Amino acid sequence: MTTQWLEGATEKLIPTSLGLVNVRVGGRSDGPAMVFWPSLMMDGTMWQHQYEHFAPTHRVVLIDSPGHGKSDALRKIIDLEDCSDVLVEILDALDIDKCVLVGNSWGGMLAGVFPAYHPQRTAAAIGINCTASLPTMFESIWATALSTFLSLHAKMPPLAAKAARGAFAGPTAEATNPEFVEFTKFVLRDDPKSVAWALRSILIGRKDEHRRLNTIKDVPVLIIAGEEDSQFPVHVVRKMADAIEGSTFRVLQHTAHLAARENPQGVNAEIDAFLADLPAAAR
């Protein structure tokens, strides 16, 4: 996969409480900071289309989440509070006071709770294809089986690509977007043992966060659902948005679980509209 779009960006490994975390920093150096945290089984490069769109106006930070991409391997259970602490460590290392935090799936869950843990570091938060609910029984069984299978391998097995395609691509992508369907094979680059730990942590082990979201005050939050998202259906994502006072909720039609990569035009348009309505200091 070409990364010419990152020309001019810098890349560094930042020491954190979860090991070295790889970040790419580019865009407008004097612009407001916009930080992107990816979905499980993806790294910061999943945000290519957001980087290209927002780099002219923002200082853009793309994070390889713990255990993914060029970040250190993950070999223990973590939670969203751990991820929030890591994000603060990254912001401190980059001398960023406040950021607009954008996340998809895992990153979207983090974008939900981060303003509760660290409101003073959050100018605004945007969560895409995310949930604050406990895992369903089916989800727990599916993710447990997949994590157990992956933990037995040193190299990502081909079956993982099939699982990722089923999780990330909805009927519209399957019928009309072959480039995106092919992109889901990205997961074959992952460390299977790290992904297994992340599945146990972020999917199987996640908590009900609605009470925590109720504590968010005076931080603008946008929550985006995908109409075809089979992982976190619209009603689940809407419940998350409803728990956050004053949040904005949007649904993207004909879009599944990895909306930021499958439907970047729709996602970018919603983010643009959301940021345009905020005070200049929060953009």
Protein backbone atom coordinates (compact mmCIF):
# COMPACT_ATOMS: atom_id res chain seq x y z
CA MET A 1 0.00 0.00 0.00
CA THR A 2 1.47 3.35 -1.04
CA THR A 3 2.00 6.01 1.61
CA GLN A 4 2.91 8.93 -0.66
CA TRP A 5 0.07 10.83 0.96
CA LEU A 6 2.20 10.96 4.15
CA GLU A 7 5.02 12.82 2.42
CA GLY A 8 6.12 15.61 4.73
CA ALA A 9 4.75 13.93 7.86
CA THR A 10 7.08 12.93 10.68
CA GLU A 11 6.96 9.58 12.42
CA LYS A 12 8.10 8.77 15.94
CA LEU A 13 7.82 6.19 18.69
CA ILE A 14 6.53 7.72 21.93
CA PRO A 15 7.17 5.97 25.28
CA THR A 16 3.89 5.31 27.12
CA SER A 17 2.57 3.16 29.93
CA LEU A 18 1.67 0.56 27.27
CA GLY A 19 5.06 0.57 25.59
CA LEU A 20 6.25 2.49 22.56
CA VAL A 21 3.38 3.87 20.50
CA ASN A 22 3.98 4.91 16.90
CA VAL A 23 2.53 8.21 15.73
CA ARG A 24 2.62 10.09 12.44
CA VAL A 25 2.31 13.88 12.61
CA GLY A 26 1.66 16.12 9.64
CA GLY A 27 -0.59 18.77 8.23
CA ARG A 28 -0.57 22.43 9.19
CA SER A 29 1.93 22.78 12.02
CA ASP A 30 0.23 25.87 13.49
CA GLY A 31 -3.30 24.50 13.09
CA PRO A 32 -5.51 23.08 15.83
CA ALA A 33 -4.64 19.49 16.72
CA MET A 34 -6.80 16.67 15.37
CA VAL A 35 -5.88 13.22 16.72
CA PHE A 36 -7.06 9.96 15.13
CA TRP A 37 -7.26 6.57 16.91
CA PRO A 38 -8.10 3.59 14.65
CA SER A 39 -10.30 0.53 14.81
CA LEU A 40 -9.07 -2.73 16.22
CA MET A 41 -7.05 -4.62 13.56
CA MET A 42 -6.13 -1.33 11.83
CA ASP A 43 -3.30 1.17 12.28
CA GLY A 44 -3.10 4.93 11.77
CA THR A 45 -2.94 4.62 8.00
CA MET A 46 -6.65 3.71 7.89
CA TRP A 47 -7.20 7.47 8.21
CA GLN A 48 -5.63 8.34 4.82
CA HIS A 49 -8.71 10.11 3.48
CA GLN A 50 -9.20 12.09 6.69
CA TYR A 51 -5.52 13.07 6.69
CA GLU A 52 -5.74 14.34 3.13
CA HIS A 53 -8.93 16.27 3.92
CA PHE A 54 -7.96 17.90 7.23
CA ALA A 55 -4.18 18.37 6.82
CA PRO A 56 -4.54 21.77 5.09
CA THR A 57 -6.28 23.23 8.17
CA HIS A 58 -5.18 21.05 11.13
CA ARG A 59 -2.13 19.55 12.75
CA VAL A 60 -3.01 15.89 12.22
CA VAL A 61 -1.81 13.05 14.46
CA LEU A 62 -2.36 9.44 13.36
CA ILE A 63 -1.87 6.86 16.13
CA ASP A 64 -0.98 3.18 15.77
CA SER A 65 -2.91 1.89 18.77
CA PRO A 66 -1.13 -0.41 21.26
CA GLY A 67 -0.27 -3.75 19.68
CA HIS A 68 -0.94 -2.52 16.15
CA GLY A 69 1.15 -1.18 13.28
CA LYS A 70 4.61 -0.10 14.41
CA SER A 71 3.65 0.20 18.08
CA ASP A 72 4.95 -2.30 20.61
CA ALA A 73 3.19 -5.65 20.84
CA LEU A 74 0.32 -5.99 23.28
CA ARG A 75 0.64 -8.84 25.74
CA LYS A 76 -1.83 -8.05 28.53
CA ILE A 77 -5.41 -6.99 29.19
CA ILE A 78 -6.02 -3.25 28.92
CA ASP A 79 -9.09 -1.03 29.12
CA LEU A 80 -10.27 2.34 27.86
CA GLU A 81 -8.89 4.12 30.91
CA ASP A 82 -5.44 2.74 30.03
CA CYS A 83 -5.94 4.00 26.47
CA SER A 84 -6.96 7.42 27.80
CA ASP A 85 -3.77 7.59 29.85
CA VAL A 86 -1.72 6.64 26.79
CA LEU A 87 -3.41 9.37 24.77
CA VAL A 88 -2.53 11.96 27.43
CA GLU A 89 1.09 10.77 27.32
CA ILE A 90 1.08 11.20 23.54
CA LEU A 91 -0.44 14.69 23.78
CA ASP A 92 2.17 15.68 26.36
CA ALA A 93 5.01 14.34 24.21
CA LEU A 94 3.74 16.37 21.24
CA ASP A 95 3.08 19.52 23.33
CA ILE A 96 -0.63 19.42 22.52
CA ASP A 97 -2.83 21.05 25.15
CA LYS A 98 -6.23 20.20 23.65
CA CYS A 99 -7.25 18.16 20.64
CA VAL A 100 -10.18 17.20 18.51
CA LEU A 101 -10.21 13.42 19.04
CA VAL A 102 -11.58 11.24 16.24
CA GLY A 103 -11.96 7.47 16.52
CA ASN A 104 -13.55 4.56 14.68
CA SER A 105 -14.80 1.50 16.62
CA TRP A 106 -12.10 1.05 19.34
CA GLY A 107 -11.12 4.65 18.71
CA GLY A 108 -14.77 5.68 18.82
CA MET A 109 -15.23 4.08 22.24
CA LEU A 110 -12.15 5.99 23.40
CA ALA A 111 -13.49 9.23 21.90
CA GLY A 112 -16.58 8.68 24.03
CA VAL A 113 -14.87 8.19 27.39
CA PHE A 114 -11.82 10.44 26.94
CA PRO A 115 -13.81 13.66 27.56
CA ALA A 116 -15.08 12.09 30.79
CA TYR A 117 -11.58 11.24 32.01
CA HIS A 118 -9.79 14.30 30.59
CA PRO A 119 -12.24 17.09 29.66
CA GLN A 120 -9.48 19.70 29.91
CA ARG A 121 -7.59 17.96 27.08
CA THR A 122 -10.59 17.60 24.75
CA ALA A 123 -11.64 20.42 22.43
CA ALA A 124 -14.21 18.10 20.83
CA ALA A 125 -14.69 14.36 20.32
CA ILE A 126 -16.00 12.38 17.36
CA GLY A 127 -16.85 8.70 17.76
CA ILE A 128 -17.66 6.58 14.69
CA ASN A 129 -19.19 3.06 14.74
CA CYS A 130 -18.85 2.79 18.50
CA THR A 131 -20.65 1.56 21.59
CA ALA A 132 -20.80 2.09 25.34
CA SER A 133 -22.66 -1.18 25.98
CA LEU A 134 -21.54 -4.54 27.29
CA PRO A 135 -20.79 -7.16 24.64
CA THR A 136 -23.70 -9.34 23.58
CA MET A 137 -23.51 -13.07 24.17
CA PHE A 138 -22.99 -13.69 20.45
CA GLU A 139 -20.24 -11.09 20.32
CA SER A 140 -18.50 -12.61 23.33
CA ILE A 141 -18.64 -16.11 21.84
CA TRP A 142 -17.45 -14.93 18.43
CA ALA A 143 -14.63 -12.75 19.76
CA THR A 144 -13.51 -15.39 22.26
CA ALA A 145 -13.28 -18.01 19.53
CA LEU A 146 -11.38 -15.65 17.23
CA SER A 147 -8.97 -14.45 19.93
CA THR A 148 -8.24 -18.03 20.99
CA PHE A 149 -7.55 -19.02 17.40
CA LEU A 150 -5.30 -16.01 16.75
CA SER A 151 -3.32 -16.54 19.95
CA LEU A 152 -2.11 -19.87 18.57
CA HIS A 153 -0.40 -18.26 15.56
CA ALA A 154 2.86 -16.37 15.08
CA LYS A 155 1.68 -14.98 11.73
CA MET A 156 -1.82 -13.74 10.95
CA PRO A 157 -3.74 -16.69 9.44
CA PRO A 158 -5.76 -16.21 6.22
CA LEU A 159 -8.99 -16.85 8.14
CA ALA A 160 -8.50 -13.47 9.84
CA ALA A 161 -9.06 -11.70 6.51
CA LYS A 162 -12.37 -13.49 6.12
CA ALA A 163 -13.37 -12.51 9.65
CA ALA A 164 -12.38 -8.88 9.04
CA ARG A 165 -14.32 -8.74 5.78
CA GLY A 166 -17.41 -10.07 7.52
CA ALA A 167 -17.04 -7.52 10.33
CA PHE A 168 -16.10 -4.47 8.27
CA ALA A 169 -17.86 -4.77 4.89
CA GLY A 170 -21.63 -4.44 4.60
CA PRO A 171 -23.82 -5.34 1.62
CA THR A 172 -23.26 -2.01 -0.14
CA ALA A 173 -19.48 -2.33 0.03
CA GLU A 174 -19.67 -5.96 -1.10
CA ALA A 175 -21.77 -4.96 -4.10
CA THR A 176 -20.20 -1.65 -5.12
CA ASN A 177 -16.85 -1.01 -3.43
CA PRO A 178 -14.26 -3.67 -4.37
CA GLU A 179 -11.38 -1.39 -3.35
CA PHE A 180 -12.65 -1.26 0.23
CA VAL A 181 -13.34 -5.00 0.35
CA GLU A 182 -9.76 -5.61 -0.81
CA PHE A 183 -8.53 -3.13 1.82
CA THR A 184 -9.93 -5.30 4.62
CA LYS A 185 -7.09 -7.74 3.89
CA PHE A 186 -4.92 -5.17 5.66
CA VAL A 187 -5.44 -7.23 8.82
CA LEU A 188 -3.06 -9.89 7.49
CA ARG A 189 -0.24 -7.52 8.46
CA ASP A 190 -1.21 -7.61 12.13
CA ASP A 191 0.48 -9.43 15.00
CA PRO A 192 -2.14 -12.12 15.77
CA LYS A 193 -1.19 -12.40 19.43
CA SER A 194 -1.53 -8.63 19.91
CA VAL A 195 -4.91 -8.66 18.18
CA ALA A 196 -5.99 -11.53 20.44
CA TRP A 197 -5.17 -9.46 23.53
CA ALA A 198 -6.97 -6.44 22.06
CA LEU A 199 -10.06 -8.54 21.31
CA ARG A 200 -10.10 -9.80 24.90
CA SER A 201 -9.64 -6.28 26.21
CA ILE A 202 -11.68 -3.97 24.01
CA LEU A 203 -14.47 -6.27 22.79
CA ILE A 204 -14.93 -9.12 25.24
CA GLY A 205 -13.81 -7.28 28.37
CA ARG A 206 -15.42 -3.91 27.80
CA LYS A 207 -17.63 -2.32 30.44
CA ASP A 208 -20.93 -0.50 30.27
CA GLU A 209 -19.77 3.11 30.02
CA HIS A 210 -23.12 4.95 29.87
CA ARG A 211 -22.86 6.28 33.44
CA ARG A 212 -19.40 7.62 32.71
CA LEU A 213 -20.67 9.29 29.55
CA ASN A 214 -23.40 10.96 31.64
CA THR A 215 -20.63 12.94 33.40
CA ILE A 216 -19.45 14.71 30.24
CA LYS A 217 -20.26 18.40 30.38
CA ASP A 218 -19.36 21.24 28.03
CA VAL A 219 -17.38 19.08 25.58
CA PRO A 220 -18.89 18.94 22.07
CA VAL A 221 -19.34 15.32 20.96
CA LEU A 222 -20.41 13.89 17.59
CA ILE A 223 -21.39 10.22 17.34
CA ILE A 224 -21.75 8.63 13.88
CA ALA A 225 -23.41 5.28 13.15
CA GLY A 226 -23.38 3.21 9.99
CA GLU A 227 -26.75 2.03 8.73
CA GLU A 228 -25.25 -1.35 7.73
CA ASP A 229 -22.98 -1.81 10.75
CA SER A 230 -23.49 -5.40 11.90
CA GLN A 231 -21.04 -5.03 14.81
CA PHE A 232 -22.58 -2.02 16.55
CA PRO A 233 -26.08 -1.48 15.09
CA VAL A 234 -27.63 1.96 14.90
CA HIS A 235 -29.76 1.59 18.04
CA VAL A 236 -26.68 0.66 20.10
CA VAL A 237 -24.70 3.65 18.83
CA ARG A 238 -27.71 5.93 19.36
CA LYS A 239 -27.89 4.79 23.01
CA MET A 240 -24.28 5.86 23.44
CA ALA A 241 -25.01 9.29 21.96
CA ASP A 242 -28.10 9.69 24.15
CA ALA A 243 -25.94 9.22 27.25
CA ILE A 244 -23.82 12.29 26.40
CA GLU A 245 -25.47 15.60 27.21
CA GLY A 246 -25.81 17.81 24.14
CA SER A 247 -24.19 15.34 21.76
CA THR A 248 -24.90 15.26 18.02
CA PHE A 249 -25.93 11.95 16.43
CA ARG A 250 -25.77 11.12 12.74
CA VAL A 251 -26.41 7.98 10.67
CA LEU A 252 -24.60 7.30 7.40
CA GLN A 253 -26.72 5.40 4.91
CA HIS A 254 -25.32 2.40 3.01
CA THR A 255 -22.28 2.31 5.33
CA ALA A 256 -20.99 -0.41 7.63
CA HIS A 257 -18.50 -0.72 10.50
CA LEU A 258 -15.36 0.94 9.15
CA ALA A 259 -17.13 4.09 8.01
CA ALA A 260 -14.09 6.36 8.03
CA ARG A 261 -12.43 4.17 5.41
CA GLU A 262 -15.47 2.87 3.52
CA ASN A 263 -17.30 6.20 3.25
CA PRO A 264 -14.73 8.94 3.88
CA GLN A 265 -16.71 11.58 1.98
CA GLY A 266 -19.71 11.07 4.25
CA VAL A 267 -17.64 10.98 7.42
CA ASN A 268 -15.58 14.05 6.46
CA ALA A 269 -18.71 16.00 5.58
CA GLU A 270 -20.30 15.22 8.96
CA ILE A 271 -17.11 16.23 10.79
CA ASP A 272 -16.86 19.45 8.78
CA ALA A 273 -20.45 20.39 9.58
CA PHE A 274 -19.99 19.54 13.26
CA LEU A 275 -16.78 21.57 13.62
CA ALA A 276 -18.26 24.52 11.71
CA ASP A 277 -20.93 24.87 14.39
CA LEU A 278 -18.38 25.02 17.22
CA PRO A 279 -16.74 28.13 18.65
CA ALA A 280 -13.49 28.89 16.82
CA ALA A 281 -11.42 27.89 19.87
CA ALA A 282 -12.86 24.36 19.78
CA ARG A 283 -12.14 23.60 16.12
